[in-house]
C-alpha atoms as a PDB file:
ATOM      1  CA  UNK A   1       4.349  -0.387 -21.468  1.00  0.00           C
ATOM      2  CA  UNK A   2       6.082   0.761 -18.215  1.00  0.00           C
ATOM      3  CA  UNK A   3       3.162  -0.169 -15.969  1.00  0.00           C
ATOM      4  CA  UNK A   4       3.174  -3.906 -17.107  1.00  0.00           C
ATOM      5  CA  UNK A   5       6.892  -4.062 -16.758  1.00  0.00           C
ATOM      6  CA  UNK A   6       6.816  -2.686 -13.201  1.00  0.00           C
ATOM      7  CA  UNK A   7       3.792  -4.858 -12.321  1.00  0.00           C
ATOM      8  CA  UNK A   8       5.586  -7.992 -13.580  1.00  0.00           C
ATOM      9  CA  UNK A   9       8.811  -7.068 -11.621  1.00  0.00           C
ATOM     10  CA  UNK A  10       6.829  -6.682  -8.386  1.00  0.00           C
ATOM     11  CA  UNK A  11       5.019  -9.917  -8.907  1.00  0.00           C
ATOM     12  CA  UNK A  12       8.177 -11.815  -9.417  1.00  0.00           C
ATOM     13  CA  UNK A  13       9.671 -10.178  -6.298  1.00  0.00           C
ATOM     14  CA  UNK A  14       6.677 -11.131  -4.314  1.00  0.00           C
ATOM     15  CA  UNK A  15       6.777 -14.652  -5.429  1.00  0.00           C
ATOM     16  CA  UNK A  16      10.297 -15.100  -4.291  1.00  0.00           C
ATOM     17  CA  UNK A  17      10.688 -17.636  -1.305  1.00  0.00           C
ATOM     18  CA  UNK A  18      12.758 -15.033   0.564  1.00  0.00           C
ATOM     19  CA  UNK A  19       9.684 -12.659   0.612  1.00  0.00           C
ATOM     20  CA  UNK A  20       8.882 -12.959   4.260  1.00  0.00           C
ATOM     21  CA  UNK A  21       5.417 -11.350   3.590  1.00  0.00           C
ATOM     22  CA  UNK A  22       4.391 -14.566   1.673  1.00  0.00           C
ATOM     23  CA  UNK A  23       3.177 -14.736  -1.886  1.00  0.00           C
ATOM     24  CA  UNK A  24      -0.393 -13.709  -0.731  1.00  0.00           C
ATOM     25  CA  UNK A  25       1.012 -10.190  -0.135  1.00  0.00           C
ATOM     26  CA  UNK A  26       0.945  -9.510  -3.920  1.00  0.00           C
ATOM     27  CA  UNK A  27      -2.814 -10.364  -4.338  1.00  0.00           C
ATOM     28  CA  UNK A  28      -3.918  -9.264  -0.767  1.00  0.00           C
ATOM     29  CA  UNK A  29      -2.113  -5.909  -0.641  1.00  0.00           C
ATOM     30  CA  UNK A  30      -0.169  -4.760  -3.788  1.00  0.00           C
ATOM     31  CA  UNK A  31      -3.030  -5.487  -6.368  1.00  0.00           C
ATOM     32  CA  UNK A  32      -5.618  -4.256  -4.034  1.00  0.00           C
ATOM     33  CA  UNK A  33      -3.802  -1.043  -3.244  1.00  0.00           C
ATOM     34  CA  UNK A  34      -3.431  -0.534  -7.220  1.00  0.00           C
ATOM     35  CA  UNK A  35      -7.260  -1.004  -7.507  1.00  0.00           C
ATOM     36  CA  UNK A  36      -8.131   1.465  -4.865  1.00  0.00           C
ATOM     37  CA  UNK A  37      -5.541   3.931  -6.403  1.00  0.00           C
ATOM     38  CA  UNK A  38      -7.223   3.711  -9.646  1.00  0.00           C
ATOM     39  CA  UNK A  39     -10.658   4.318  -8.193  1.00  0.00           C
ATOM     40  CA  UNK A  40      -9.398   7.277  -6.065  1.00  0.00           C
ATOM     41  CA  UNK A  41      -7.330   8.802  -8.843  1.00  0.00           C
ATOM     42  CA  UNK A  42     -10.523   9.248 -10.822  1.00  0.00           C
ATOM     43  CA  UNK A  43     -12.448  10.778  -7.898  1.00  0.00           C
ATOM     44  CA  UNK A  44      -9.658  13.315  -7.098  1.00  0.00           C
ATOM     45  CA  UNK A  45      -8.117  13.889 -10.381  1.00  0.00           C
ATOM     46  CA  UNK A  46      -4.649  12.424  -9.694  1.00  0.00           C
ATOM     47  CA  UNK A  47      -2.154  11.473 -12.344  1.00  0.00           C
ATOM     48  CA  UNK A  48      -3.199   7.828 -13.098  1.00  0.00           C
ATOM     49  CA  UNK A  49       0.214   6.613 -14.177  1.00  0.00           C
ATOM     50  CA  UNK A  50       2.080   8.000 -11.255  1.00  0.00           C
ATOM     51  CA  UNK A  51      -0.504   6.612  -8.803  1.00  0.00           C
ATOM     52  CA  UNK A  52      -0.292   3.133 -10.550  1.00  0.00           C
ATOM     53  CA  UNK A  53       3.375   2.860 -10.593  1.00  0.00           C
ATOM     54  CA  UNK A  54       3.617   4.027  -7.100  1.00  0.00           C
ATOM     55  CA  UNK A  55       0.996   1.474  -5.902  1.00  0.00           C
ATOM     56  CA  UNK A  56       3.061  -1.410  -7.456  1.00  0.00           C
ATOM     57  CA  UNK A  57       6.370  -0.195  -6.016  1.00  0.00           C
ATOM     58  CA  UNK A  58       5.377   1.302  -2.573  1.00  0.00           C
ATOM     59  CA  UNK A  59       6.456  -1.690  -0.540  1.00  0.00           C
ATOM     60  CA  UNK A  60       9.027  -3.275  -2.699  1.00  0.00           C
ATOM     61  CA  UNK A  61      12.050  -2.675  -0.357  1.00  0.00           C
ATOM     62  CA  UNK A  62      10.224  -4.455   2.406  1.00  0.00           C
ATOM     63  CA  UNK A  63       9.397  -7.377   0.056  1.00  0.00           C
ATOM     64  CA  UNK A  64      12.900  -7.660  -0.915  1.00  0.00           C
ATOM     65  CA  UNK A  65      14.145  -7.672   2.721  1.00  0.00           C
ATOM     66  CA  UNK A  66      11.766  -7.563   5.661  1.00  0.00           C
ATOM     67  CA  UNK A  67      14.562  -5.838   7.724  1.00  0.00           C
ATOM     68  CA  UNK A  68      13.868  -2.850   5.308  1.00  0.00           C
ATOM     69  CA  UNK A  69      10.276  -2.437   6.756  1.00  0.00           C
ATOM     70  CA  UNK A  70      11.153   0.556   9.177  1.00  0.00           C
ATOM     71  CA  UNK A  71      12.433   2.634   6.320  1.00  0.00           C
ATOM     72  CA  UNK A  72      10.821   0.718   3.431  1.00  0.00           C
ATOM     73  CA  UNK A  73       9.108   3.918   2.130  1.00  0.00           C
ATOM     74  CA  UNK A  74      12.353   5.635   1.447  1.00  0.00           C
ATOM     75  CA  UNK A  75      14.031   2.590   0.269  1.00  0.00           C
ATOM     76  CA  UNK A  76      11.214   1.595  -2.054  1.00  0.00           C
ATOM     77  CA  UNK A  77      11.338   5.233  -3.614  1.00  0.00           C
ATOM     78  CA  UNK A  78      15.062   4.472  -4.280  1.00  0.00           C
ATOM     79  CA  UNK A  79      14.226   1.084  -5.935  1.00  0.00           C
ATOM     80  CA  UNK A  80      11.453   2.912  -8.068  1.00  0.00           C
ATOM     81  CA  UNK A  81      14.112   5.428  -9.257  1.00  0.00           C
ATOM     82  CA  UNK A  82      16.457   2.800 -10.328  1.00  0.00           C
ATOM     83  CA  UNK A  83      13.947   0.849 -12.139  1.00  0.00           C
ATOM     84  CA  UNK A  84      12.215   3.650 -13.891  1.00  0.00           C
ATOM     85  CA  UNK A  85      15.677   5.358 -14.793  1.00  0.00           C
ATOM     86  CA  UNK A  86      16.728   2.247 -16.500  1.00  0.00           C
ATOM     87  CA  UNK A  87      13.573   2.406 -18.623  1.00  0.00           C
ATOM     88  CA  UNK A  88      14.311   6.129 -19.421  1.00  0.00           C
ATOM     89  CA  UNK A  89      11.053   7.112 -17.822  1.00  0.00           C
ATOM     90  CA  UNK A  90      10.333  10.828 -17.502  1.00  0.00           C
ATOM     91  CA  UNK A  91      12.456  12.428 -14.814  1.00  0.00           C
ATOM     92  CA  UNK A  92       9.619  14.520 -13.460  1.00  0.00           C
ATOM     93  CA  UNK A  93       7.362  11.562 -13.139  1.00  0.00           C
ATOM     94  CA  UNK A  94      10.099   9.574 -11.438  1.00  0.00           C
ATOM     95  CA  UNK A  95      10.264  12.318  -8.878  1.00  0.00           C
ATOM     96  CA  UNK A  96       6.517  12.251  -8.372  1.00  0.00           C
ATOM     97  CA  UNK A  97       6.517   8.425  -8.120  1.00  0.00           C
ATOM     98  CA  UNK A  98       9.244   8.709  -5.457  1.00  0.00           C
ATOM     99  CA  UNK A  99       7.579  11.494  -3.378  1.00  0.00           C
ATOM    100  CA  UNK A 100       4.297   9.446  -3.574  1.00  0.00           C
ATOM    101  CA  UNK A 101       5.977   6.374  -2.309  1.00  0.00           C
ATOM    102  CA  UNK A 102       7.828   8.284   0.482  1.00  0.00           C
ATOM    103  CA  UNK A 103       4.653   9.721   1.976  1.00  0.00           C
ATOM    104  CA  UNK A 104       2.482   6.625   1.851  1.00  0.00           C
ATOM    105  CA  UNK A 105       2.854   5.577   5.469  1.00  0.00           C
ATOM    106  CA  UNK A 106      -0.066   7.346   6.809  1.00  0.00           C
ATOM    107  CA  UNK A 107      -3.390   8.329   5.056  1.00  0.00           C
ATOM    108  CA  UNK A 108      -2.975  11.925   3.871  1.00  0.00           C
ATOM    109  CA  UNK A 109      -5.652  14.591   3.162  1.00  0.00           C
ATOM    110  CA  UNK A 110      -5.879  16.638   0.134  1.00  0.00           C
ATOM    111  CA  UNK A 111      -4.866  19.748   2.041  1.00  0.00           C
ATOM    112  CA  UNK A 112      -1.713  18.103   3.171  1.00  0.00           C
ATOM    113  CA  UNK A 113      -0.242  16.586  -0.131  1.00  0.00           C
ATOM    114  CA  UNK A 114      -0.404  16.026  -3.836  1.00  0.00           C
ATOM    115  CA  UNK A 115      -3.478  14.089  -5.261  1.00  0.00           C
ATOM    116  CA  UNK A 116      -1.106  11.218  -6.146  1.00  0.00           C
ATOM    117  CA  UNK A 117       0.203  11.083  -2.439  1.00  0.00           C
ATOM    118  CA  UNK A 118      -3.341  11.227  -1.192  1.00  0.00           C
ATOM    119  CA  UNK A 119      -4.315   8.370  -3.420  1.00  0.00           C
ATOM    120  CA  UNK A 120      -1.514   5.956  -2.504  1.00  0.00           C
ATOM    121  CA  UNK A 121      -1.529   6.761   1.202  1.00  0.00           C
ATOM    122  CA  UNK A 122      -5.342   6.222   1.429  1.00  0.00           C
ATOM    123  CA  UNK A 123      -5.298   3.179  -0.709  1.00  0.00           C
ATOM    124  CA  UNK A 124      -2.624   1.550   1.408  1.00  0.00           C
ATOM    125  CA  UNK A 125      -4.760   2.061   4.480  1.00  0.00           C
ATOM    126  CA  UNK A 126      -7.876   0.933   2.757  1.00  0.00           C
ATOM    127  CA  UNK A 127      -6.362  -2.366   1.925  1.00  0.00           C
ATOM    128  CA  UNK A 128      -5.295  -2.825   5.540  1.00  0.00           C
ATOM    129  CA  UNK A 129      -8.893  -2.522   6.482  1.00  0.00           C
ATOM    130  CA  UNK A 130     -10.645  -4.620   3.798  1.00  0.00           C
ATOM    131  CA  UNK A 131      -8.191  -7.656   3.884  1.00  0.00           C
ATOM    132  CA  UNK A 132      -8.182  -8.655   7.625  1.00  0.00           C
ATOM    133  CA  UNK A 133      -7.359 -12.195   6.892  1.00  0.00           C
ATOM    134  CA  UNK A 134      -4.116 -11.378   5.391  1.00  0.00           C
ATOM    135  CA  UNK A 135      -3.250  -8.879   8.238  1.00  0.00           C
ATOM    136  CA  UNK A 136      -4.129 -11.467  10.764  1.00  0.00           C
ATOM    137  CA  UNK A 137      -1.765 -13.732   9.055  1.00  0.00           C
ATOM    138  CA  UNK A 138       0.755 -10.890   9.225  1.00  0.00           C
ATOM    139  CA  UNK A 139       0.532 -10.289  12.980  1.00  0.00           C
ATOM    140  CA  UNK A 140       0.448 -13.868  13.980  1.00  0.00           C
ATOM    141  CA  UNK A 141       2.813 -15.608  11.459  1.00  0.00           C
ATOM    142  CA  UNK A 142       5.135 -12.760  10.491  1.00  0.00           C
ATOM    143  CA  UNK A 143       5.243 -10.412  13.588  1.00  0.00           C
ATOM    144  CA  UNK A 144       4.715 -13.563  15.836  1.00  0.00           C
ATOM    145  CA  UNK A 145       2.406 -11.640  18.106  1.00  0.00           C
ATOM    146  CA  UNK A 146       0.336 -13.469  20.742  1.00  0.00           C
ATOM    147  CA  UNK A 147      -3.411 -13.567  20.594  1.00  0.00           C
ATOM    148  CA  UNK A 148      -4.099 -10.480  22.545  1.00  0.00           C
ATOM    149  CA  UNK A 149      -1.326  -8.452  21.063  1.00  0.00           C
ATOM    150  CA  UNK A 150      -2.268  -9.419  17.480  1.00  0.00           C
ATOM    151  CA  UNK A 151      -5.972  -8.626  18.055  1.00  0.00           C
ATOM    152  CA  UNK A 152      -5.120  -5.318  19.612  1.00  0.00           C
ATOM    153  CA  UNK A 153      -2.773  -4.405  16.601  1.00  0.00           C
ATOM    154  CA  UNK A 154      -5.300  -5.226  13.961  1.00  0.00           C
ATOM    155  CA  UNK A 155      -8.118  -3.524  15.777  1.00  0.00           C
ATOM    156  CA  UNK A 156      -6.074  -0.281  16.265  1.00  0.00           C
ATOM    157  CA  UNK A 157      -4.687  -0.500  12.712  1.00  0.00           C
ATOM    158  CA  UNK A 158      -8.189  -0.692  11.276  1.00  0.00           C
ATOM    159  CA  UNK A 159      -9.553   2.058  13.470  1.00  0.00           C
ATOM    160  CA  UNK A 160      -6.693   4.491  13.107  1.00  0.00           C
ATOM    161  CA  UNK A 161      -6.725   3.982   9.136  1.00  0.00           C
ATOM    162  CA  UNK A 162     -10.418   4.464   9.122  1.00  0.00           C
ATOM    163  CA  UNK A 163     -10.264   7.764  11.040  1.00  0.00           C
ATOM    164  CA  UNK A 164      -7.597   9.229   8.815  1.00  0.00           C
ATOM    165  CA  UNK A 165      -9.092   8.274   5.451  1.00  0.00           C
ATOM    166  CA  UNK A 166     -10.523  11.025   3.052  1.00  0.00           C
ATOM    167  CA  UNK A 167     -14.286  10.893   2.666  1.00  0.00           C
ATOM    168  CA  UNK A 168     -14.148   9.327  -0.823  1.00  0.00           C
ATOM    169  CA  UNK A 169     -12.026   6.396   0.445  1.00  0.00           C
ATOM    170  CA  UNK A 170     -14.542   5.954   3.309  1.00  0.00           C
ATOM    171  CA  UNK A 171     -17.389   5.840   0.770  1.00  0.00           C
ATOM    172  CA  UNK A 172     -15.623   3.147  -1.246  1.00  0.00           C
ATOM    173  CA  UNK A 173     -15.079   0.795   1.624  1.00  0.00           C
ATOM    174  CA  UNK A 174     -17.647   1.534   4.338  1.00  0.00           C
ATOM    175  CA  UNK A 175     -19.560  -1.652   4.064  1.00  0.00           C
ATOM    176  CA  UNK A 176     -16.381  -3.668   4.283  1.00  0.00           C
ATOM    177  CA  UNK A 177     -15.168  -1.405   7.374  1.00  0.00           C
ATOM    178  CA  UNK A 178     -18.450  -2.186   9.157  1.00  0.00           C
ATOM    179  CA  UNK A 179     -18.130  -5.884   8.563  1.00  0.00           C
ATOM    180  CA  UNK A 180     -14.440  -5.896   9.679  1.00  0.00           C
ATOM    181  CA  UNK A 181     -15.296  -3.877  12.729  1.00  0.00           C
ATOM    182  CA  UNK A 182     -17.933  -6.274  13.730  1.00  0.00           C
ATOM    183  CA  UNK A 183     -15.793  -9.320  13.067  1.00  0.00           C
ATOM    184  CA  UNK A 184     -12.787  -7.790  15.156  1.00  0.00           C
ATOM    185  CA  UNK A 185     -15.249  -7.145  18.113  1.00  0.00           C
ATOM    186  CA  UNK A 186     -15.701 -10.768  18.721  1.00  0.00           C
END
């Protein structure tokens, strides 16, 4: 099945030593985004397969080279197209996966995008809220921010993401958000 092939490919890429995000990125971000995407897809009637494939591949270009981070959404869509085309995946679905990946940077509302784009963009933000330990590692070990800069970055990221989430996404993670908010206020 294509989903398992893509999931395996992404796991292998995340486990490579050159992945600057560390091996924890797969479990603390990629798999969590995929889980949230599956939940949201049911709630807002999105194409499950498109959402799942997009969730696995949405950050692949940054995983392969951290220098790709500023444009990783566009580059990850290109990687997705290459992988899915090699597997003779449906052309219309490839385009949907690409569009979903490109637009994942900021949480989108249902009035702004396709259901699939809304799922991935919200799931990505949800994972950044609910896994603060990984994102603290990211700001201090990967971005090399000092204490105040890192604390400010994560607080702003959590608040900005929360404020942009659709209501069903907020319902799913509200307890975690409140805990993280309290933790970050220390």
